[in-house]
Amino acid sequence: MVRQKPQCLGRVLLGQFAFRAPQALATDARGIEPLFPFGFGLSYTAFAYSGLTLDRAVLRACETVAVRSTVTNTGKVAGKEICQIYARYGRPRLKRPVRELKGFAKVELSPGESGEVTVEIAARDLCAHDTTLQAWTLNDDVITIEVGASSRDIRLGSELHTVCAGAVHRRIEWDTQPVFVLENPAARYKFNGFLQKQLCISFEDADRMLEHCANSFVGIFTTFDRCFRHTFPKADVAALLAEINQEADEQDRRAA
């Protein structure tokens, strides 16, 4: 049995190396150059891509973006090309593939002929399921929309900003890892004040303590105990967590 450091959502996975074999097939993540990449195909002619445009620069929930590009047959015989649309996430909050296929369209062109290809991508197609929140979430991110002939033959790219409709931060519990506290501005501020009051320290010192704990993969209060040899009263901890989560619930209700 093997215990791994959490890779996503703060979970420690127990398992055997044999069951991890599918991860070896993740050629993009591992930087492996495949002989035949996803979407690869042969043709008697060649195609050039140009003029990529998005009909919006910012995408919110329930909206759709139209991806348009021009494909030109630069060969000497007629042929068909499958124009593939991929999404590459800038700073995904959840673990995502290096590149995800989001749509495709086939176009048939004579020699020298050009055609416009349009593929629509809905915001829901860019969501990921957060098992902690038990919901599909669209995160604040800068996504590169790519157009190509295969997953490794990318011809064009353009940035698309995605905007989250509401809070996506998890509830803070006793065993929540420090990284999830630090990524939540409201929770971080509350924890800073808690440390100031409990330890009689300054705002700056409390913030340094939190940063020192950032890479720990055990719960934040267990981390405090191990790093600083200090155990906080359970009643004070419960009051802090209740206050943080109550404010988060109110924000979610306002955003709904």
Foldseek 3Di string as FASTA:
>chain_A
DDWDQDDWPLDIDDDDVVVCVVVVVLCQVVVHDDPAFALDDDDPWDKAKDDWDWPDQEAEAPDKIKTKIKIFTQGQAKDKAKKWKKKAWDDDNGDDRRIGTFDIDMDIDGHGDMDMDIDMGHQQSQWDQDPQVRDTWRDFTWMWIFIASGPPGTRDIDIHTYHTLFDDQGQADQWDQLQSQVVDVLSLVLQLVVCCVVVVDDSVVSNVVSVVRNPDSTGPQVSCCVPVVDHDDPVSVVVSSVVSVVVRVVRVVVSD
